[in-house]
N, C-alpha and C. Protein backbone atom coordinates (compact mmCIF):
# COMPACT_ATOMS: atom_id res chain seq x y z
N MET A 1 -18.22 1.85 16.58
CA MET A 1 -17.71 1.05 15.48
C MET A 1 -16.79 1.89 14.61
N ALA A 2 -15.68 1.32 14.18
CA ALA A 2 -14.71 2.04 13.37
C ALA A 2 -15.26 2.32 11.98
N THR A 3 -14.83 3.42 11.41
CA THR A 3 -15.21 3.75 10.04
C THR A 3 -14.14 3.17 9.12
N TYR A 4 -14.54 2.29 8.22
CA TYR A 4 -13.58 1.67 7.33
C TYR A 4 -13.44 2.47 6.06
N GLN A 5 -12.23 2.45 5.48
CA GLN A 5 -11.93 3.27 4.32
C GLN A 5 -12.78 2.91 3.10
N ALA A 6 -13.28 1.70 3.04
CA ALA A 6 -14.12 1.34 1.91
C ALA A 6 -15.37 2.22 1.85
N THR A 7 -15.77 2.77 2.98
CA THR A 7 -16.95 3.61 3.00
C THR A 7 -16.63 5.09 3.05
N CYS A 8 -15.41 5.45 3.41
CA CYS A 8 -15.11 6.89 3.55
C CYS A 8 -13.95 7.33 2.68
N GLY A 9 -13.52 6.52 1.72
CA GLY A 9 -12.41 6.89 0.85
C GLY A 9 -11.12 6.28 1.35
N GLN A 10 -10.17 6.09 0.46
CA GLN A 10 -8.94 5.42 0.80
C GLN A 10 -7.86 6.45 1.10
N ARG A 11 -7.06 6.18 2.10
CA ARG A 11 -6.01 7.11 2.47
C ARG A 11 -4.66 6.43 2.35
N LEU A 12 -3.74 7.11 1.70
CA LEU A 12 -2.39 6.61 1.51
C LEU A 12 -1.42 7.68 1.99
N TYR A 13 -0.46 7.25 2.81
CA TYR A 13 0.58 8.13 3.32
C TYR A 13 1.94 7.55 2.94
N TYR A 14 2.94 8.43 2.88
CA TYR A 14 4.31 7.95 2.75
C TYR A 14 5.21 8.79 3.64
N ALA A 15 6.32 8.18 4.06
CA ALA A 15 7.29 8.85 4.92
C ALA A 15 8.63 8.13 4.79
N ALA A 16 9.69 8.78 5.25
CA ALA A 16 11.03 8.20 5.17
C ALA A 16 11.24 7.07 6.18
N ASN A 17 10.47 7.06 7.28
CA ASN A 17 10.64 6.04 8.33
C ASN A 17 9.35 5.25 8.53
N TYR A 18 9.51 3.98 8.96
CA TYR A 18 8.34 3.12 9.14
C TYR A 18 7.38 3.65 10.20
N ASN A 19 7.87 4.47 11.14
CA ASN A 19 6.99 5.01 12.18
C ASN A 19 6.10 6.15 11.67
N MET A 20 6.26 6.48 10.41
CA MET A 20 5.44 7.48 9.69
C MET A 20 5.55 8.88 10.28
N ALA A 21 6.68 9.18 10.92
CA ALA A 21 6.93 10.55 11.36
C ALA A 21 7.05 11.42 10.10
N SER A 22 6.51 12.59 10.12
CA SER A 22 6.53 13.52 8.97
C SER A 22 5.86 12.91 7.74
N LYS A 23 4.76 12.22 7.95
CA LYS A 23 4.05 11.57 6.85
C LYS A 23 3.40 12.59 5.93
N VAL A 24 3.25 12.20 4.65
CA VAL A 24 2.59 13.01 3.63
C VAL A 24 1.44 12.20 3.07
N GLU A 25 0.26 12.78 2.99
CA GLU A 25 -0.87 12.07 2.41
C GLU A 25 -0.94 12.34 0.91
N VAL A 26 -1.19 11.29 0.14
CA VAL A 26 -1.47 11.45 -1.29
C VAL A 26 -2.99 11.49 -1.41
N PRO A 27 -3.55 12.65 -1.73
CA PRO A 27 -5.01 12.77 -1.77
C PRO A 27 -5.62 12.14 -3.01
N GLY A 28 -6.89 11.79 -2.90
CA GLY A 28 -7.66 11.34 -4.06
C GLY A 28 -7.45 9.91 -4.49
N ILE A 29 -6.91 9.05 -3.63
CA ILE A 29 -6.69 7.64 -4.00
C ILE A 29 -8.05 6.97 -4.21
N THR A 30 -8.22 6.31 -5.35
CA THR A 30 -9.48 5.62 -5.64
C THR A 30 -9.32 4.11 -5.67
N ASN A 31 -8.12 3.59 -5.93
CA ASN A 31 -7.87 2.15 -5.94
C ASN A 31 -6.49 1.86 -5.39
N THR A 32 -6.39 0.82 -4.56
CA THR A 32 -5.10 0.38 -4.05
C THR A 32 -4.83 -1.02 -4.62
N PRO A 33 -3.55 -1.41 -4.70
CA PRO A 33 -3.21 -2.69 -5.32
C PRO A 33 -3.40 -3.89 -4.40
N ASP A 34 -3.46 -5.07 -5.01
CA ASP A 34 -3.43 -6.32 -4.27
C ASP A 34 -2.08 -6.46 -3.58
N LYS A 35 -2.05 -7.16 -2.48
CA LYS A 35 -0.79 -7.41 -1.76
C LYS A 35 -0.48 -8.89 -1.88
N GLY A 36 0.66 -9.20 -2.44
CA GLY A 36 1.02 -10.60 -2.64
C GLY A 36 0.32 -11.16 -3.87
N GLY A 37 0.56 -12.40 -4.14
CA GLY A 37 -0.04 -13.04 -5.29
C GLY A 37 -0.16 -14.53 -5.04
N GLU A 38 -0.76 -15.20 -5.96
CA GLU A 38 -0.90 -16.65 -5.82
C GLU A 38 0.49 -17.29 -5.91
N PRO A 39 0.83 -18.15 -4.96
CA PRO A 39 2.17 -18.74 -4.98
C PRO A 39 2.33 -19.79 -6.07
N ASP A 40 3.58 -19.94 -6.53
CA ASP A 40 3.92 -21.03 -7.44
C ASP A 40 3.77 -22.34 -6.67
N THR A 41 3.54 -23.41 -7.39
CA THR A 41 3.48 -24.72 -6.74
C THR A 41 4.42 -25.68 -7.45
N VAL A 42 4.88 -26.67 -6.71
CA VAL A 42 5.73 -27.71 -7.25
C VAL A 42 5.01 -29.03 -7.04
N ASP A 43 4.81 -29.78 -8.12
CA ASP A 43 4.12 -31.06 -8.03
C ASP A 43 5.05 -32.10 -7.41
N VAL A 44 4.61 -32.72 -6.31
CA VAL A 44 5.40 -33.77 -5.64
C VAL A 44 4.58 -35.06 -5.55
N SER A 45 3.71 -35.25 -6.52
CA SER A 45 2.82 -36.42 -6.52
C SER A 45 3.59 -37.71 -6.73
N ILE A 46 3.06 -38.75 -6.12
CA ILE A 46 3.58 -40.10 -6.32
C ILE A 46 2.50 -40.87 -7.06
N ILE A 47 2.85 -41.51 -8.12
CA ILE A 47 1.89 -42.18 -8.99
C ILE A 47 0.98 -43.14 -8.23
N SER A 48 1.49 -43.84 -7.23
CA SER A 48 0.69 -44.83 -6.50
C SER A 48 -0.32 -44.20 -5.54
N GLU A 49 -0.23 -42.89 -5.29
CA GLU A 49 -1.18 -42.24 -4.40
C GLU A 49 -2.42 -41.80 -5.16
N LYS A 50 -3.53 -41.73 -4.45
CA LYS A 50 -4.81 -41.40 -5.06
C LYS A 50 -4.92 -39.92 -5.45
N PHE A 51 -4.31 -39.03 -4.64
CA PHE A 51 -4.42 -37.59 -4.89
C PHE A 51 -3.07 -37.00 -5.25
N LYS A 52 -3.11 -35.95 -6.04
CA LYS A 52 -1.89 -35.21 -6.35
C LYS A 52 -1.53 -34.35 -5.14
N ARG A 53 -0.25 -34.13 -4.95
CA ARG A 53 0.24 -33.27 -3.87
C ARG A 53 1.14 -32.19 -4.47
N LYS A 54 1.02 -31.02 -3.89
CA LYS A 54 1.85 -29.90 -4.35
C LYS A 54 2.41 -29.16 -3.16
N LEU A 55 3.61 -28.65 -3.32
CA LEU A 55 4.23 -27.79 -2.31
C LEU A 55 4.06 -26.35 -2.76
N ILE A 56 3.77 -25.50 -1.81
CA ILE A 56 3.63 -24.08 -2.13
C ILE A 56 5.02 -23.46 -2.16
N GLY A 57 5.26 -22.68 -3.20
CA GLY A 57 6.56 -22.03 -3.38
C GLY A 57 6.46 -20.52 -3.20
N GLN A 58 7.20 -19.81 -4.00
CA GLN A 58 7.28 -18.36 -3.89
C GLN A 58 6.04 -17.68 -4.47
N GLN A 59 5.78 -16.49 -3.95
CA GLN A 59 4.69 -15.67 -4.46
C GLN A 59 5.24 -14.57 -5.35
N ASP A 60 4.47 -14.20 -6.36
CA ASP A 60 4.81 -13.03 -7.15
C ASP A 60 4.37 -11.79 -6.40
N GLN A 61 5.14 -10.75 -6.48
CA GLN A 61 4.71 -9.45 -5.98
C GLN A 61 4.88 -8.47 -7.13
N ASP A 62 3.79 -8.26 -7.83
CA ASP A 62 3.82 -7.38 -8.98
C ASP A 62 4.05 -5.94 -8.55
N ILE A 63 4.31 -5.11 -9.52
CA ILE A 63 4.39 -3.67 -9.27
C ILE A 63 3.03 -3.24 -8.72
N MET A 64 3.04 -2.42 -7.68
CA MET A 64 1.80 -1.96 -7.06
C MET A 64 1.31 -0.71 -7.79
N THR A 65 0.10 -0.79 -8.30
CA THR A 65 -0.48 0.32 -9.04
C THR A 65 -1.54 1.01 -8.20
N TYR A 66 -1.35 2.30 -7.98
CA TYR A 66 -2.33 3.12 -7.27
C TYR A 66 -3.03 4.02 -8.27
N GLU A 67 -4.35 4.05 -8.18
CA GLU A 67 -5.14 4.93 -9.05
C GLU A 67 -5.63 6.11 -8.21
N TYR A 68 -5.59 7.30 -8.80
CA TYR A 68 -6.05 8.48 -8.08
C TYR A 68 -6.70 9.46 -9.04
N VAL A 69 -7.44 10.39 -8.46
CA VAL A 69 -8.06 11.46 -9.23
C VAL A 69 -7.04 12.59 -9.32
N PRO A 70 -6.63 12.97 -10.54
CA PRO A 70 -5.62 14.02 -10.64
C PRO A 70 -6.18 15.39 -10.26
N ASP A 71 -5.49 16.02 -9.34
CA ASP A 71 -5.81 17.39 -8.91
C ASP A 71 -4.55 18.20 -9.20
N PHE A 72 -4.68 19.19 -10.07
CA PHE A 72 -3.52 19.93 -10.55
C PHE A 72 -3.21 21.18 -9.71
N THR A 73 -3.80 21.29 -8.52
CA THR A 73 -3.53 22.42 -7.65
C THR A 73 -2.04 22.43 -7.29
N ALA A 74 -1.38 23.56 -7.51
CA ALA A 74 0.07 23.66 -7.26
C ALA A 74 0.39 23.30 -5.82
N SER A 75 1.38 22.50 -5.61
CA SER A 75 1.97 22.05 -4.34
C SER A 75 1.07 21.25 -3.41
N THR A 76 -0.25 21.39 -3.46
CA THR A 76 -1.11 20.63 -2.56
C THR A 76 -1.95 19.58 -3.27
N GLY A 77 -2.04 19.64 -4.57
CA GLY A 77 -2.85 18.68 -5.32
C GLY A 77 -2.18 17.33 -5.45
N SER A 78 -2.95 16.33 -5.85
CA SER A 78 -2.44 14.96 -5.95
C SER A 78 -1.31 14.84 -6.97
N VAL A 79 -1.37 15.58 -8.07
CA VAL A 79 -0.33 15.49 -9.09
C VAL A 79 1.00 16.00 -8.52
N ALA A 80 0.97 17.11 -7.79
CA ALA A 80 2.19 17.64 -7.16
C ALA A 80 2.73 16.67 -6.10
N LYS A 81 1.84 16.07 -5.30
CA LYS A 81 2.28 15.14 -4.26
C LYS A 81 2.92 13.89 -4.87
N VAL A 82 2.34 13.40 -5.97
CA VAL A 82 2.92 12.23 -6.63
C VAL A 82 4.26 12.60 -7.25
N GLY A 83 4.38 13.79 -7.82
CA GLY A 83 5.67 14.24 -8.35
C GLY A 83 6.74 14.28 -7.28
N THR A 84 6.40 14.78 -6.11
CA THR A 84 7.34 14.82 -4.99
C THR A 84 7.71 13.39 -4.57
N LEU A 85 6.72 12.50 -4.54
CA LEU A 85 6.96 11.10 -4.18
C LEU A 85 7.92 10.44 -5.17
N LEU A 86 7.75 10.68 -6.45
CA LEU A 86 8.63 10.09 -7.46
C LEU A 86 10.08 10.52 -7.27
N ALA A 87 10.29 11.74 -6.80
CA ALA A 87 11.64 12.25 -6.58
C ALA A 87 12.22 11.85 -5.23
N ALA A 88 11.40 11.29 -4.35
CA ALA A 88 11.82 11.03 -2.97
C ALA A 88 12.67 9.77 -2.79
N GLY A 89 12.68 8.88 -3.74
CA GLY A 89 13.41 7.62 -3.57
C GLY A 89 12.64 6.66 -2.69
N GLU A 90 13.37 5.75 -2.03
CA GLU A 90 12.73 4.72 -1.21
C GLU A 90 11.97 5.35 -0.04
N GLN A 91 10.74 4.91 0.16
CA GLN A 91 9.86 5.44 1.21
C GLN A 91 9.09 4.29 1.85
N TRP A 92 8.51 4.57 3.01
CA TRP A 92 7.55 3.66 3.63
C TRP A 92 6.15 4.13 3.23
N PHE A 93 5.29 3.18 2.87
CA PHE A 93 3.92 3.48 2.46
C PHE A 93 2.96 2.91 3.50
N TYR A 94 1.91 3.65 3.78
CA TYR A 94 0.91 3.21 4.76
C TYR A 94 -0.47 3.42 4.16
N GLU A 95 -1.18 2.32 3.95
CA GLU A 95 -2.58 2.38 3.50
C GLU A 95 -3.45 2.27 4.73
N GLU A 96 -4.17 3.31 5.05
CA GLU A 96 -5.01 3.32 6.25
C GLU A 96 -6.38 2.76 5.89
N TYR A 97 -6.78 1.70 6.59
CA TYR A 97 -8.06 1.05 6.33
C TYR A 97 -9.10 1.29 7.40
N VAL A 98 -8.68 1.63 8.60
CA VAL A 98 -9.60 2.00 9.66
C VAL A 98 -9.28 3.45 9.99
N GLU A 99 -10.28 4.29 9.95
CA GLU A 99 -10.04 5.72 10.13
C GLU A 99 -9.34 5.99 11.46
N GLY A 100 -8.28 6.78 11.40
CA GLY A 100 -7.52 7.14 12.58
C GLY A 100 -8.20 8.25 13.36
N THR A 101 -7.46 8.84 14.29
CA THR A 101 -8.02 9.89 15.14
C THR A 101 -7.16 11.14 15.06
N ALA A 102 -7.77 12.26 15.38
CA ALA A 102 -7.03 13.52 15.42
C ALA A 102 -6.38 13.66 16.79
N SER A 103 -5.15 14.14 16.78
CA SER A 103 -4.44 14.41 18.02
C SER A 103 -3.81 15.78 17.87
N GLY A 104 -4.52 16.81 18.30
CA GLY A 104 -4.07 18.18 18.04
C GLY A 104 -4.13 18.45 16.56
N THR A 105 -2.99 18.82 15.96
CA THR A 105 -2.94 19.06 14.52
C THR A 105 -2.47 17.84 13.76
N ASP A 106 -2.14 16.75 14.46
CA ASP A 106 -1.63 15.55 13.82
C ASP A 106 -2.76 14.53 13.66
N HIS A 107 -2.57 13.60 12.73
CA HIS A 107 -3.51 12.52 12.48
C HIS A 107 -2.85 11.23 12.97
N VAL A 108 -3.41 10.59 14.01
CA VAL A 108 -2.91 9.31 14.50
C VAL A 108 -3.51 8.23 13.61
N LEU A 109 -2.64 7.45 12.98
CA LEU A 109 -3.09 6.47 11.99
C LEU A 109 -3.95 5.38 12.60
N GLY A 110 -4.96 4.96 11.84
CA GLY A 110 -5.74 3.79 12.18
C GLY A 110 -5.06 2.54 11.63
N ALA A 111 -5.67 1.39 11.80
CA ALA A 111 -5.10 0.13 11.32
C ALA A 111 -4.92 0.16 9.81
N GLY A 112 -3.89 -0.52 9.33
CA GLY A 112 -3.63 -0.51 7.90
C GLY A 112 -2.51 -1.43 7.49
N ILE A 113 -2.00 -1.18 6.30
CA ILE A 113 -0.94 -1.97 5.68
C ILE A 113 0.29 -1.08 5.53
N LEU A 114 1.46 -1.61 5.88
CA LEU A 114 2.72 -0.87 5.81
C LEU A 114 3.72 -1.65 4.98
N TYR A 115 4.45 -0.97 4.10
CA TYR A 115 5.53 -1.62 3.37
C TYR A 115 6.52 -0.57 2.87
N LYS A 116 7.71 -1.04 2.51
CA LYS A 116 8.75 -0.16 1.97
C LYS A 116 8.82 -0.36 0.46
N GLY A 117 8.90 0.77 -0.26
CA GLY A 117 8.97 0.68 -1.70
C GLY A 117 9.51 1.96 -2.31
N ILE A 118 9.55 1.95 -3.62
CA ILE A 118 10.00 3.13 -4.34
C ILE A 118 9.04 3.39 -5.50
N ALA A 119 8.53 4.61 -5.56
CA ALA A 119 7.64 4.99 -6.66
C ALA A 119 8.51 5.17 -7.91
N LYS A 120 8.20 4.42 -8.95
CA LYS A 120 9.05 4.38 -10.13
C LYS A 120 8.53 5.19 -11.31
N SER A 121 7.22 5.34 -11.40
CA SER A 121 6.65 5.96 -12.60
C SER A 121 5.23 6.42 -12.32
N ALA A 122 4.71 7.28 -13.19
CA ALA A 122 3.33 7.76 -13.07
C ALA A 122 2.76 7.96 -14.46
N SER A 123 1.44 7.97 -14.54
CA SER A 123 0.77 8.25 -15.81
C SER A 123 -0.55 8.96 -15.54
N ILE A 124 -0.95 9.79 -16.48
CA ILE A 124 -2.25 10.46 -16.40
C ILE A 124 -3.00 10.11 -17.66
N GLY A 125 -4.20 9.55 -17.48
CA GLY A 125 -4.99 9.11 -18.62
C GLY A 125 -5.63 10.27 -19.36
N GLY A 126 -6.05 10.00 -20.57
CA GLY A 126 -6.81 10.98 -21.33
C GLY A 126 -8.21 11.09 -20.75
N GLN A 127 -8.99 11.96 -21.32
CA GLN A 127 -10.33 12.17 -20.79
C GLN A 127 -11.33 12.06 -21.92
N ALA A 128 -12.34 11.20 -21.70
CA ALA A 128 -13.42 11.05 -22.67
C ALA A 128 -14.60 11.88 -22.17
N GLY A 129 -15.45 12.30 -23.09
CA GLY A 129 -16.59 13.14 -22.73
C GLY A 129 -17.39 12.59 -21.56
N GLY A 130 -17.51 13.37 -20.50
CA GLY A 130 -18.33 13.00 -19.36
C GLY A 130 -17.68 12.06 -18.37
N ASP A 131 -16.53 11.47 -18.70
CA ASP A 131 -15.85 10.56 -17.78
C ASP A 131 -14.80 11.31 -16.97
N ALA A 132 -14.65 10.93 -15.74
CA ALA A 132 -13.63 11.54 -14.89
C ALA A 132 -12.25 11.11 -15.35
N GLN A 133 -11.32 12.03 -15.30
CA GLN A 133 -9.94 11.71 -15.64
C GLN A 133 -9.33 10.88 -14.52
N LYS A 134 -8.45 9.95 -14.87
CA LYS A 134 -7.79 9.09 -13.89
C LYS A 134 -6.28 9.17 -14.08
N ALA A 135 -5.57 8.89 -13.01
CA ALA A 135 -4.11 8.86 -13.06
C ALA A 135 -3.63 7.68 -12.22
N ASN A 136 -2.40 7.25 -12.48
CA ASN A 136 -1.81 6.13 -11.76
C ASN A 136 -0.37 6.46 -11.39
N PHE A 137 0.09 5.86 -10.32
CA PHE A 137 1.53 5.80 -10.07
C PHE A 137 1.85 4.38 -9.63
N TYR A 138 3.12 4.01 -9.82
CA TYR A 138 3.53 2.62 -9.71
C TYR A 138 4.67 2.49 -8.70
N VAL A 139 4.52 1.56 -7.76
CA VAL A 139 5.48 1.39 -6.68
C VAL A 139 6.05 -0.03 -6.71
N GLN A 140 7.37 -0.11 -6.60
CA GLN A 140 8.06 -1.40 -6.53
C GLN A 140 8.40 -1.68 -5.07
N LEU A 141 8.04 -2.86 -4.59
CA LEU A 141 8.34 -3.28 -3.22
C LEU A 141 9.85 -3.44 -3.07
N THR A 142 10.44 -2.82 -2.03
CA THR A 142 11.88 -2.94 -1.79
C THR A 142 12.19 -3.51 -0.41
N GLY A 143 11.22 -3.55 0.48
CA GLY A 143 11.44 -4.07 1.83
C GLY A 143 11.36 -5.57 1.88
N ASP A 144 11.49 -6.11 3.09
CA ASP A 144 11.49 -7.56 3.30
C ASP A 144 10.11 -8.18 3.20
N SER A 145 9.06 -7.42 3.51
CA SER A 145 7.72 -7.98 3.52
C SER A 145 6.69 -6.86 3.50
N ILE A 146 5.45 -7.24 3.71
CA ILE A 146 4.33 -6.31 3.86
C ILE A 146 3.77 -6.59 5.25
N TYR A 147 3.43 -5.54 5.98
CA TYR A 147 3.03 -5.68 7.38
C TYR A 147 1.62 -5.16 7.62
N VAL A 148 0.91 -5.84 8.50
CA VAL A 148 -0.38 -5.37 8.98
C VAL A 148 -0.08 -4.59 10.26
N ALA A 149 -0.53 -3.34 10.30
CA ALA A 149 -0.24 -2.47 11.44
C ALA A 149 -1.52 -2.24 12.23
N SER A 150 -1.38 -2.19 13.55
CA SER A 150 -2.54 -2.07 14.44
C SER A 150 -3.15 -0.69 14.46
N GLY A 151 -2.38 0.32 14.12
CA GLY A 151 -2.85 1.70 14.25
C GLY A 151 -2.72 2.16 15.69
N GLY A 152 -3.01 3.42 15.92
CA GLY A 152 -2.93 3.97 17.27
C GLY A 152 -1.58 4.59 17.55
N ALA A 153 -1.45 5.15 18.74
CA ALA A 153 -0.22 5.84 19.12
C ALA A 153 0.97 4.90 19.23
N THR A 154 0.74 3.66 19.66
CA THR A 154 1.80 2.66 19.76
C THR A 154 1.46 1.52 18.81
N MET A 155 2.10 1.51 17.65
CA MET A 155 1.79 0.51 16.62
C MET A 155 2.39 -0.84 16.96
N THR A 156 1.69 -1.89 16.56
CA THR A 156 2.24 -3.24 16.54
C THR A 156 2.14 -3.72 15.10
N TYR A 157 3.04 -4.63 14.71
CA TYR A 157 3.11 -5.07 13.32
C TYR A 157 3.13 -6.58 13.24
N LYS A 158 2.47 -7.11 12.21
CA LYS A 158 2.53 -8.54 11.90
C LYS A 158 2.87 -8.69 10.43
N ASP A 159 3.72 -9.66 10.14
CA ASP A 159 4.06 -9.96 8.76
C ASP A 159 2.82 -10.52 8.07
N LEU A 160 2.43 -9.93 6.95
CA LEU A 160 1.22 -10.35 6.23
C LEU A 160 1.31 -11.80 5.77
N PHE A 161 2.49 -12.26 5.41
CA PHE A 161 2.63 -13.58 4.80
C PHE A 161 2.89 -14.69 5.81
N SER A 162 3.54 -14.38 6.94
CA SER A 162 3.85 -15.42 7.92
C SER A 162 3.01 -15.32 9.19
N GLY A 163 2.42 -14.15 9.43
CA GLY A 163 1.65 -13.94 10.65
C GLY A 163 2.51 -13.65 11.87
N ALA A 164 3.83 -13.64 11.69
CA ALA A 164 4.75 -13.41 12.81
C ALA A 164 4.72 -11.95 13.25
N ALA A 165 4.77 -11.74 14.57
CA ALA A 165 4.88 -10.40 15.11
C ALA A 165 6.25 -9.84 14.76
N VAL A 166 6.30 -8.55 14.43
CA VAL A 166 7.54 -7.91 14.03
C VAL A 166 7.72 -6.66 14.88
N THR A 167 8.88 -6.51 15.48
CA THR A 167 9.17 -5.34 16.31
C THR A 167 9.54 -4.14 15.45
N THR A 168 10.45 -4.36 14.50
CA THR A 168 10.92 -3.30 13.62
C THR A 168 10.80 -3.76 12.17
N PRO A 169 9.82 -3.25 11.43
CA PRO A 169 9.70 -3.62 10.02
C PRO A 169 10.97 -3.29 9.25
N ALA A 170 11.30 -4.14 8.28
CA ALA A 170 12.52 -3.92 7.50
C ALA A 170 12.21 -3.90 6.00
C-alpha cells in the first residue's frame, strides 16, 4: 500500500519544466492550498417551472498559500529555498501526495498535483511563547490549468477541472 503524504508529511517541488527535471524540494511544508474554488452560477430559472435552474460558470482561483516551518540554515533551509524560488520567476510546482521511490540518487515522484505559477511574496510570522514559528509563501497560477499526475518514471496527466487526458501540460 502506498504511503500518503497526509501521514508522512507534505512534499513540494519546483522546477523550470513540467517534467520536473532538476527539481528542488521546499522542505518543511505543513499546509498546501485548495485547488480551484466554487464556481459562479447564473440563474436561468423560468417562473412557470417548479425548480430553479442555474448554469455553472467560472471558478475563482485564489492565490495559493503554502505554510512551512522556517528553517534558517544557510542555502539548504526552507527560508533559503523559498528565497531562491521567489527570485526564479515562473516555475512548475509539484505537490507529491503518494510517496515516490528512490532511483539511485534521484527521487522518482509519486502521484500528485502539477501546475505552473510564480511565487510572488513570502512572510514569516512572529513567535509566541511555546508556539512554533510559521512562515508562508504565495503563488499565483500562470498556466492553463491544474493537472493530476500519475507519478512514476513515465507520467500521465489529467486536467483537474475537465478530466481530460493531457499530453503536454501548459
